Amino acid sequence: MRNKKVILMRSADNTFQTKSTNYRECQKNHAANIGGYAVDGCREFISSGGESTGRALVCAACGCHRNFHRKEDYSEVVSESSYTSSTRE
């Protein structure tokens, strides 16, 4: 799944905070009904459909819903000066 970046807030000094989310390994316990513990080994969520379809939240690799995959949130503060070149003439 692609990383999505969303601008959360922008301040007067041309800095803004971005947030991205990744979905990693599947944590669904397939042996819970018999009192055991077994995961399927899926390493990363891969959407099985486009964003506007019903299959967007189902993993193409393991068939589980996206909520069974471990979620990683990242936030980063970016300033406009970081986009400018550091070499000046």
PDB file of N, CA and C in Angstrom:
ATOM      1  N   MET A   1       0.839  -1.173   0.000  1.00  0.00           N
ATOM      2  CA  MET A   1       0.000   0.000   0.000  1.00  0.00           C
ATOM      3  C   MET A   1       0.881   1.231   0.000  1.00  0.00           C
ATOM      4  N   ARG A   2       0.482   2.215  -0.713  1.00  0.00           N
ATOM      5  CA  ARG A   2       1.253   3.452  -0.791  1.00  0.00           C
ATOM      6  C   ARG A   2       1.147   4.232   0.503  1.00  0.00           C
ATOM      7  N   ASN A   3       2.205   4.961   0.794  1.00  0.00           N
ATOM      8  CA  ASN A   3       2.183   5.857   1.943  1.00  0.00           C
ATOM      9  C   ASN A   3       1.333   7.057   1.592  1.00  0.00           C
ATOM     10  N   LYS A   4       0.447   7.420   2.478  1.00  0.00           N
ATOM     11  CA  LYS A   4      -0.376   8.601   2.263  1.00  0.00           C
ATOM     12  C   LYS A   4       0.135   9.690   3.176  1.00  0.00           C
ATOM     13  N   LYS A   5       0.307  10.878   2.633  1.00  0.00           N
ATOM     14  CA  LYS A   5       0.741  12.014   3.434  1.00  0.00           C
ATOM     15  C   LYS A   5      -0.367  13.046   3.440  1.00  0.00           C
ATOM     16  N   VAL A   6      -0.670  13.520   4.621  1.00  0.00           N
ATOM     17  CA  VAL A   6      -1.724  14.499   4.808  1.00  0.00           C
ATOM     18  C   VAL A   6      -1.135  15.664   5.584  1.00  0.00           C
ATOM     19  N   ILE A   7      -1.386  16.884   5.112  1.00  0.00           N
ATOM     20  CA  ILE A   7      -0.932  18.066   5.846  1.00  0.00           C
ATOM     21  C   ILE A   7      -1.893  18.286   7.006  1.00  0.00           C
ATOM     22  N   LEU A   8      -1.367  18.248   8.218  1.00  0.00           N
ATOM     23  CA  LEU A   8      -2.205  18.393   9.401  1.00  0.00           C
ATOM     24  C   LEU A   8      -2.384  19.842   9.818  1.00  0.00           C
ATOM     25  N   MET A   9      -1.306  20.601   9.886  1.00  0.00           N
ATOM     26  CA  MET A   9      -1.425  21.997  10.272  1.00  0.00           C
ATOM     27  C   MET A   9      -0.289  22.795   9.653  1.00  0.00           C
ATOM     28  N   ARG A  10      -0.550  24.040   9.435  1.00  0.00           N
ATOM     29  CA  ARG A  10       0.461  24.931   8.883  1.00  0.00           C
ATOM     30  C   ARG A  10       0.557  26.151   9.783  1.00  0.00           C
ATOM     31  N   SER A  11       1.763  26.591  10.053  1.00  0.00           N
ATOM     32  CA  SER A  11       1.955  27.750  10.921  1.00  0.00           C
ATOM     33  C   SER A  11       2.423  28.943  10.101  1.00  0.00           C
ATOM     34  N   ALA A  12       2.548  30.078  10.760  1.00  0.00           N
ATOM     35  CA  ALA A  12       2.901  31.318  10.073  1.00  0.00           C
ATOM     36  C   ALA A  12       4.341  31.324   9.581  1.00  0.00           C
ATOM     37  N   ASP A  13       5.207  30.527  10.161  1.00  0.00           N
ATOM     38  CA  ASP A  13       6.611  30.544   9.751  1.00  0.00           C
ATOM     39  C   ASP A  13       6.915  29.517   8.647  1.00  0.00           C
ATOM     40  N   ASN A  14       5.937  29.172   7.840  1.00  0.00           N
ATOM     41  CA  ASN A  14       6.075  28.280   6.689  1.00  0.00           C
ATOM     42  C   ASN A  14       6.556  26.878   7.057  1.00  0.00           C
ATOM     43  N   THR A  15       6.119  26.383   8.181  1.00  0.00           N
ATOM     44  CA  THR A  15       6.364  24.990   8.534  1.00  0.00           C
ATOM     45  C   THR A  15       5.023  24.277   8.599  1.00  0.00           C
ATOM     46  N   PHE A  16       5.030  22.995   8.307  1.00  0.00           N
ATOM     47  CA  PHE A  16       3.818  22.209   8.425  1.00  0.00           C
ATOM     48  C   PHE A  16       4.176  20.799   8.848  1.00  0.00           C
ATOM     49  N   GLN A  17       3.189  20.124   9.391  1.00  0.00           N
ATOM     50  CA  GLN A  17       3.391  18.769   9.884  1.00  0.00           C
ATOM     51  C   GLN A  17       2.686  17.802   8.943  1.00  0.00           C
ATOM     52  N   THR A  18       3.377  16.739   8.558  1.00  0.00           N
ATOM     53  CA  THR A  18       2.775  15.725   7.702  1.00  0.00           C
ATOM     54  C   THR A  18       2.624  14.431   8.487  1.00  0.00           C
ATOM     55  N   LYS A  19       1.643  13.649   8.106  1.00  0.00           N
ATOM     56  CA  LYS A  19       1.395  12.371   8.753  1.00  0.00           C
ATOM     57  C   LYS A  19       1.279  11.304   7.676  1.00  0.00           C
ATOM     58  N   SER A  20       1.965  10.190   7.875  1.00  0.00           N
ATOM     59  CA  SER A  20       1.840   9.068   6.951  1.00  0.00           C
ATOM     60  C   SER A  20       1.585   7.800   7.755  1.00  0.00           C
ATOM     61  N   THR A  21       0.900   6.851   7.137  1.00  0.00           N
ATOM     62  CA  THR A  21       0.526   5.610   7.800  1.00  0.00           C
ATOM     63  C   THR A  21       0.922   4.434   6.938  1.00  0.00           C
ATOM     64  N   ASN A  22       1.546   3.445   7.554  1.00  0.00           N
ATOM     65  CA  ASN A  22       1.869   2.181   6.895  1.00  0.00           C
ATOM     66  C   ASN A  22       1.191   1.061   7.664  1.00  0.00           C
ATOM     67  N   TYR A  23       0.757   0.029   6.958  1.00  0.00           N
ATOM     68  CA  TYR A  23       0.192  -1.160   7.585  1.00  0.00           C
ATOM     69  C   TYR A  23       1.144  -2.308   7.328  1.00  0.00           C
ATOM     70  N   ARG A  24       1.657  -2.904   8.383  1.00  0.00           N
ATOM     71  CA  ARG A  24       2.701  -3.929   8.301  1.00  0.00           C
ATOM     72  C   ARG A  24       2.113  -5.329   8.429  1.00  0.00           C
ATOM     73  N   GLU A  25       2.786  -6.217   9.169  1.00  0.00           N
ATOM     74  CA  GLU A  25       2.445  -7.634   9.202  1.00  0.00           C
ATOM     75  C   GLU A  25       1.051  -7.888   9.782  1.00  0.00           C
ATOM     76  N   CYS A  26       0.445  -8.972   9.303  1.00  0.00           N
ATOM     77  CA  CYS A  26      -0.881  -9.381   9.758  1.00  0.00           C
ATOM     78  C   CYS A  26      -0.752 -10.032  11.129  1.00  0.00           C
ATOM     79  N   GLN A  27      -1.632  -9.660  12.045  1.00  0.00           N
ATOM     80  CA  GLN A  27      -1.588 -10.191  13.399  1.00  0.00           C
ATOM     81  C   GLN A  27      -2.816 -11.023  13.736  1.00  0.00           C
ATOM     82  N   LYS A  28      -3.589 -11.421  12.723  1.00  0.00           N
ATOM     83  CA  LYS A  28      -4.790 -12.213  12.967  1.00  0.00           C
ATOM     84  C   LYS A  28      -4.398 -13.606  13.444  1.00  0.00           C
ATOM     85  N   ASN A  29      -4.995 -14.036  14.544  1.00  0.00           N
ATOM     86  CA  ASN A  29      -4.747 -15.363  15.100  1.00  0.00           C
ATOM     87  C   ASN A  29      -5.726 -16.341  14.446  1.00  0.00           C
ATOM     88  N   HIS A  30      -5.235 -17.166  13.541  1.00  0.00           N
ATOM     89  CA  HIS A  30      -6.089 -18.104  12.812  1.00  0.00           C
ATOM     90  C   HIS A  30      -6.431 -19.346  13.630  1.00  0.00           C
ATOM     91  N   ALA A  31      -5.775 -19.564  14.753  1.00  0.00           N
ATOM     92  CA  ALA A  31      -6.036 -20.746  15.582  1.00  0.00           C
ATOM     93  C   ALA A  31      -6.723 -20.393  16.898  1.00  0.00           C
ATOM     94  N   ALA A  32      -7.318 -19.219  16.981  1.00  0.00           N
ATOM     95  CA  ALA A  32      -7.944 -18.784  18.230  1.00  0.00           C
ATOM     96  C   ALA A  32      -9.130 -19.668  18.607  1.00  0.00           C
ATOM     97  N   ASN A  33      -9.853 -20.198  17.632  1.00  0.00           N
ATOM     98  CA  ASN A  33     -11.035 -21.008  17.936  1.00  0.00           C
ATOM     99  C   ASN A  33     -10.685 -22.359  18.566  1.00  0.00           C
ATOM    100  N   ILE A  34      -9.444 -22.818  18.450  1.00  0.00           N
ATOM    101  CA  ILE A  34      -9.027 -24.072  19.082  1.00  0.00           C
ATOM    102  C   ILE A  34      -8.072 -23.822  20.249  1.00  0.00           C
ATOM    103  N   GLY A  35      -7.934 -22.566  20.644  1.00  0.00           N
ATOM    104  CA  GLY A  35      -7.105 -22.220  21.787  1.00  0.00           C
ATOM    105  C   GLY A  35      -5.630 -22.102  21.486  1.00  0.00           C
ATOM    106  N   GLY A  36      -5.263 -22.027  20.230  1.00  0.00           N
ATOM    107  CA  GLY A  36      -3.854 -21.918  19.857  1.00  0.00           C
ATOM    108  C   GLY A  36      -3.502 -20.536  19.363  1.00  0.00           C
ATOM    109  N   TYR A  37      -2.311 -20.432  18.806  1.00  0.00           N
ATOM    110  CA  TYR A  37      -1.854 -19.170  18.232  1.00  0.00           C
ATOM    111  C   TYR A  37      -1.114 -19.474  16.939  1.00  0.00           C
ATOM    112  N   ALA A  38      -1.623 -18.954  15.833  1.00  0.00           N
ATOM    113  CA  ALA A  38      -0.974 -19.144  14.536  1.00  0.00           C
ATOM    114  C   ALA A  38      -1.300 -17.955  13.646  1.00  0.00           C
ATOM    115  N   VAL A  39      -0.264 -17.338  13.090  1.00  0.00           N
ATOM    116  CA  VAL A  39      -0.451 -16.254  12.132  1.00  0.00           C
ATOM    117  C   VAL A  39      -0.065 -16.761  10.750  1.00  0.00           C
ATOM    118  N   ASP A  40      -0.538 -16.087   9.719  1.00  0.00           N
ATOM    119  CA  ASP A  40      -0.337 -16.588   8.357  1.00  0.00           C
ATOM    120  C   ASP A  40       0.981 -16.175   7.717  1.00  0.00           C
ATOM    121  N   GLY A  41       1.723 -15.262   8.304  1.00  0.00           N
ATOM    122  CA  GLY A  41       3.021 -14.870   7.763  1.00  0.00           C
ATOM    123  C   GLY A  41       2.978 -13.713   6.782  1.00  0.00           C
ATOM    124  N   CYS A  42       1.817 -13.098   6.592  1.00  0.00           N
ATOM    125  CA  CYS A  42       1.710 -11.940   5.705  1.00  0.00           C
ATOM    126  C   CYS A  42       2.547 -10.807   6.292  1.00  0.00           C
ATOM    127  N   ARG A  43       3.444 -10.238   5.506  1.00  0.00           N
ATOM    128  CA  ARG A  43       4.404  -9.254   6.009  1.00  0.00           C
ATOM    129  C   ARG A  43       3.958  -7.801   5.854  1.00  0.00           C
ATOM    130  N   GLU A  44       3.038  -7.522   4.902  1.00  0.00           N
ATOM    131  CA  GLU A  44       2.618  -6.137   4.681  1.00  0.00           C
ATOM    132  C   GLU A  44       1.266  -6.118   3.995  1.00  0.00           C
ATOM    133  N   PHE A  45       0.424  -5.140   4.361  1.00  0.00           N
ATOM    134  CA  PHE A  45      -0.894  -4.996   3.755  1.00  0.00           C
ATOM    135  C   PHE A  45      -0.763  -4.514   2.318  1.00  0.00           C
ATOM    136  N   ILE A  46      -1.416  -5.220   1.408  1.00  0.00           N
ATOM    137  CA  ILE A  46      -1.482  -4.827   0.004  1.00  0.00           C
ATOM    138  C   ILE A  46      -2.961  -4.791  -0.357  1.00  0.00           C
ATOM    139  N   SER A  47      -3.462  -3.639  -0.720  1.00  0.00           N
ATOM    140  CA  SER A  47      -4.872  -3.484  -1.033  1.00  0.00           C
ATOM    141  C   SER A  47      -5.241  -4.312  -2.254  1.00  0.00           C
ATOM    142  N   SER A  48      -6.397  -4.985  -2.191  1.00  0.00           N
ATOM    143  CA  SER A  48      -6.814  -5.805  -3.324  1.00  0.00           C
ATOM    144  C   SER A  48      -7.752  -5.067  -4.269  1.00  0.00           C
ATOM    145  N   GLY A  49      -8.005  -3.793  -4.033  1.00  0.00           N
ATOM    146  CA  GLY A  49      -8.847  -3.004  -4.921  1.00  0.00           C
ATOM    147  C   GLY A  49      -8.494  -1.535  -4.836  1.00  0.00           C
ATOM    148  N   GLY A  50      -9.117  -0.746  -5.704  1.00  0.00           N
ATOM    149  CA  GLY A  50      -8.899   0.698  -5.688  1.00  0.00           C
ATOM    150  C   GLY A  50      -9.507   1.331  -4.449  1.00  0.00           C
ATOM    151  N   GLU A  51      -9.157   2.585  -4.191  1.00  0.00           N
ATOM    152  CA  GLU A  51      -9.607   3.262  -2.976  1.00  0.00           C
ATOM    153  C   GLU A  51     -11.117   3.414  -2.888  1.00  0.00           C
ATOM    154  N   SER A  52     -11.801   3.482  -4.001  1.00  0.00           N
ATOM    155  CA  SER A  52     -13.245   3.696  -3.965  1.00  0.00           C
ATOM    156  C   SER A  52     -14.038   2.395  -4.037  1.00  0.00           C
ATOM    157  N   THR A  53     -13.370   1.247  -4.038  1.00  0.00           N
ATOM    158  CA  THR A  53     -14.065  -0.036  -4.129  1.00  0.00           C
ATOM    159  C   THR A  53     -14.212  -0.672  -2.752  1.00  0.00           C
ATOM    160  N   GLY A  54     -15.039  -1.690  -2.670  1.00  0.00           N
ATOM    161  CA  GLY A  54     -15.244  -2.404  -1.422  1.00  0.00           C
ATOM    162  C   GLY A  54     -14.063  -3.268  -1.031  1.00  0.00           C
ATOM    163  N   ARG A  55     -13.193  -3.592  -1.968  1.00  0.00           N
ATOM    164  CA  ARG A  55     -12.036  -4.443  -1.694  1.00  0.00           C
ATOM    165  C   ARG A  55     -10.811  -3.637  -1.257  1.00  0.00           C
ATOM    166  N   ALA A  56     -10.935  -2.350  -1.086  1.00  0.00           N
ATOM    167  CA  ALA A  56      -9.789  -1.508  -0.730  1.00  0.00           C
ATOM    168  C   ALA A  56      -9.242  -1.824   0.658  1.00  0.00           C
ATOM    169  N   LEU A  57     -10.070  -2.343   1.548  1.00  0.00           N
ATOM    170  CA  LEU A  57      -9.646  -2.621   2.918  1.00  0.00           C
ATOM    171  C   LEU A  57      -9.320  -4.092   3.150  1.00  0.00           C
ATOM    172  N   VAL A  58      -9.287  -4.888   2.074  1.00  0.00           N
ATOM    173  CA  VAL A  58      -8.972  -6.315   2.171  1.00  0.00           C
ATOM    174  C   VAL A  58      -7.584  -6.546   1.592  1.00  0.00           C
ATOM    175  N   CYS A  59      -6.749  -7.294   2.321  1.00  0.00           N
ATOM    176  CA  CYS A  59      -5.376  -7.563   1.888  1.00  0.00           C
ATOM    177  C   CYS A  59      -5.371  -8.584   0.760  1.00  0.00           C
ATOM    178  N   ALA A  60      -4.648  -8.285  -0.304  1.00  0.00           N
ATOM    179  CA  ALA A  60      -4.542  -9.201  -1.440  1.00  0.00           C
ATOM    180  C   ALA A  60      -3.689 -10.418  -1.097  1.00  0.00           C
ATOM    181  N   ALA A  61      -2.772 -10.292  -0.154  1.00  0.00           N
ATOM    182  CA  ALA A  61      -1.874 -11.396   0.187  1.00  0.00           C
ATOM    183  C   ALA A  61      -2.538 -12.426   1.100  1.00  0.00           C
ATOM    184  N   CYS A  62      -3.255 -11.966   2.130  1.00  0.00           N
ATOM    185  CA  CYS A  62      -3.791 -12.915   3.110  1.00  0.00           C
ATOM    186  C   CYS A  62      -5.312 -12.937   3.182  1.00  0.00           C
ATOM    187  N   GLY A  63      -5.993 -11.955   2.599  1.00  0.00           N
ATOM    188  CA  GLY A  63      -7.452 -11.925   2.604  1.00  0.00           C
ATOM    189  C   GLY A  63      -8.059 -11.345   3.871  1.00  0.00           C
ATOM    190  N   CYS A  64      -7.251 -10.838   4.776  1.00  0.00           N
ATOM    191  CA  CYS A  64      -7.745 -10.266   6.031  1.00  0.00           C
ATOM    192  C   CYS A  64      -8.067  -8.785   5.854  1.00  0.00           C
ATOM    193  N   HIS A  65      -8.910  -8.267   6.745  1.00  0.00           N
ATOM    194  CA  HIS A  65      -9.214  -6.842   6.760  1.00  0.00           C
ATOM    195  C   HIS A  65      -7.979  -6.065   7.211  1.00  0.00           C
ATOM    196  N   ARG A  66      -7.880  -4.816   6.794  1.00  0.00           N
ATOM    197  CA  ARG A  66      -6.730  -3.973   7.116  1.00  0.00           C
ATOM    198  C   ARG A  66      -6.538  -3.798   8.620  1.00  0.00           C
ATOM    199  N   ASN A  67      -7.602  -3.878   9.409  1.00  0.00           N
ATOM    200  CA  ASN A  67      -7.492  -3.704  10.861  1.00  0.00           C
ATOM    201  C   ASN A  67      -6.671  -4.796  11.537  1.00  0.00           C
ATOM    202  N   PHE A  68      -6.497  -5.958  10.909  1.00  0.00           N
ATOM    203  CA  PHE A  68      -5.680  -7.023  11.488  1.00  0.00           C
ATOM    204  C   PHE A  68      -4.189  -6.766  11.308  1.00  0.00           C
ATOM    205  N   HIS A  69      -3.825  -5.818  10.475  1.00  0.00           N
ATOM    206  CA  HIS A  69      -2.422  -5.513  10.209  1.00  0.00           C
ATOM    207  C   HIS A  69      -1.930  -4.438  11.174  1.00  0.00           C
ATOM    208  N   ARG A  70      -0.686  -4.583  11.612  1.00  0.00           N
ATOM    209  CA  ARG A  70      -0.088  -3.625  12.551  1.00  0.00           C
ATOM    210  C   ARG A  70       0.052  -2.265  11.875  1.00  0.00           C
ATOM    211  N   LYS A  71      -0.421  -1.235  12.545  1.00  0.00           N
ATOM    212  CA  LYS A  71      -0.430   0.117  11.989  1.00  0.00           C
ATOM    213  C   LYS A  71       0.764   0.900  12.513  1.00  0.00           C
ATOM    214  N   GLU A  72       1.485   1.559  11.605  1.00  0.00           N
ATOM    215  CA  GLU A  72       2.597   2.436  11.971  1.00  0.00           C
ATOM    216  C   GLU A  72       2.264   3.846  11.511  1.00  0.00           C
ATOM    217  N   ASP A  73       2.223   4.775  12.459  1.00  0.00           N
ATOM    218  CA  ASP A  73       1.981   6.182  12.139  1.00  0.00           C
ATOM    219  C   ASP A  73       3.288   6.944  12.249  1.00  0.00           C
ATOM    220  N   TYR A  74       3.532   7.803  11.287  1.00  0.00           N
ATOM    221  CA  TYR A  74       4.709   8.659  11.289  1.00  0.00           C
ATOM    222  C   TYR A  74       4.245  10.095  11.144  1.00  0.00           C
ATOM    223  N   SER A  75       4.856  10.989  11.886  1.00  0.00           N
ATOM    224  CA  SER A  75       4.595  12.411  11.685  1.00  0.00           C
ATOM    225  C   SER A  75       5.934  13.115  11.557  1.00  0.00           C
ATOM    226  N   GLU A  76       5.937  14.150  10.745  1.00  0.00           N
ATOM    227  CA  GLU A  76       7.177  14.853  10.437  1.00  0.00           C
ATOM    228  C   GLU A  76       6.871  16.335  10.292  1.00  0.00           C
ATOM    229  N   VAL A  77       7.694  17.165  10.895  1.00  0.00           N
ATOM    230  CA  VAL A  77       7.568  18.610  10.747  1.00  0.00           C
ATOM    231  C   VAL A  77       8.512  19.038   9.635  1.00  0.00           C
ATOM    232  N   VAL A  78       7.961  19.695   8.635  1.00  0.00           N
ATOM    233  CA  VAL A  78       8.735  20.109   7.468  1.00  0.00           C
ATOM    234  C   VAL A  78       8.670  21.619   7.364  1.00  0.00           C
ATOM    235  N   SER A  79       9.816  22.248   7.151  1.00  0.00           N
ATOM    236  CA  SER A  79       9.832  23.692   6.951  1.00  0.00           C
ATOM    237  C   SER A  79      10.107  23.978   5.484  1.00  0.00           C
ATOM    238  N   GLU A  80       9.627  25.111   5.031  1.00  0.00           N
ATOM    239  CA  GLU A  80       9.812  25.471   3.632  1.00  0.00           C
ATOM    240  C   GLU A  80      11.279  25.683   3.309  1.00  0.00           C
ATOM    241  N   SER A  81      12.076  26.075   4.283  1.00  0.00           N
ATOM    242  CA  SER A  81      13.501  26.294   4.048  1.00  0.00           C
ATOM    243  C   SER A  81      14.235  24.995   3.748  1.00  0.00           C
ATOM    244  N   SER A  82      13.676  23.836   4.130  1.00  0.00           N
ATOM    245  CA  SER A  82      14.329  22.563   3.842  1.00  0.00           C
ATOM    246  C   SER A  82      14.237  22.208   2.364  1.00  0.00           C
ATOM    247  N   TYR A  83      13.335  22.858   1.638  1.00  0.00           N
ATOM    248  CA  TYR A  83      13.211  22.610   0.212  1.00  0.00           C
ATOM    249  C   TYR A  83      14.144  23.482  -0.623  1.00  0.00           C
ATOM    250  N   THR A  84      14.700  24.518  -0.033  1.00  0.00           N
ATOM    251  CA  THR A  84      15.575  25.410  -0.785  1.00  0.00           C
ATOM    252  C   THR A  84      16.980  24.852  -0.832  1.00  0.00           C
ATOM    253  N   SER A  85      17.717  25.243  -1.820  1.00  0.00           N
ATOM    254  CA  SER A  85      19.082  24.754  -1.989  1.00  0.00           C
ATOM    255  C   SER A  85      19.989  25.340  -0.920  1.00  0.00           C
ATOM    256  N   SER A  86      20.939  24.545  -0.450  1.00  0.00           N
ATOM    257  CA  SER A  86      21.844  25.017   0.589  1.00  0.00           C
ATOM    258  C   SER A  86      23.044  25.756   0.008  1.00  0.00           C
ATOM    259  N   THR A  87      23.251  25.671  -1.292  1.00  0.00           N
ATOM    260  CA  THR A  87      24.370  26.385  -1.920  1.00  0.00           C
ATOM    261  C   THR A  87      23.847  27.677  -2.519  1.00  0.00           C
ATOM    262  N   ARG A  88      24.500  28.767  -2.180  1.00  0.00           N
ATOM    263  CA  ARG A  88      24.103  30.078  -2.705  1.00  0.00           C
ATOM    264  C   ARG A  88      25.291  30.711  -3.381  1.00  0.00           C
ATOM    265  N   GLU A  89      25.009  31.481  -4.399  1.00  0.00           N
ATOM    266  CA  GLU A  89      26.087  32.160  -5.132  1.00  0.00           C
ATOM    267  C   GLU A  89      26.262  33.565  -4.647  1.00  0.00           C
TER     268      GLU A  89
END
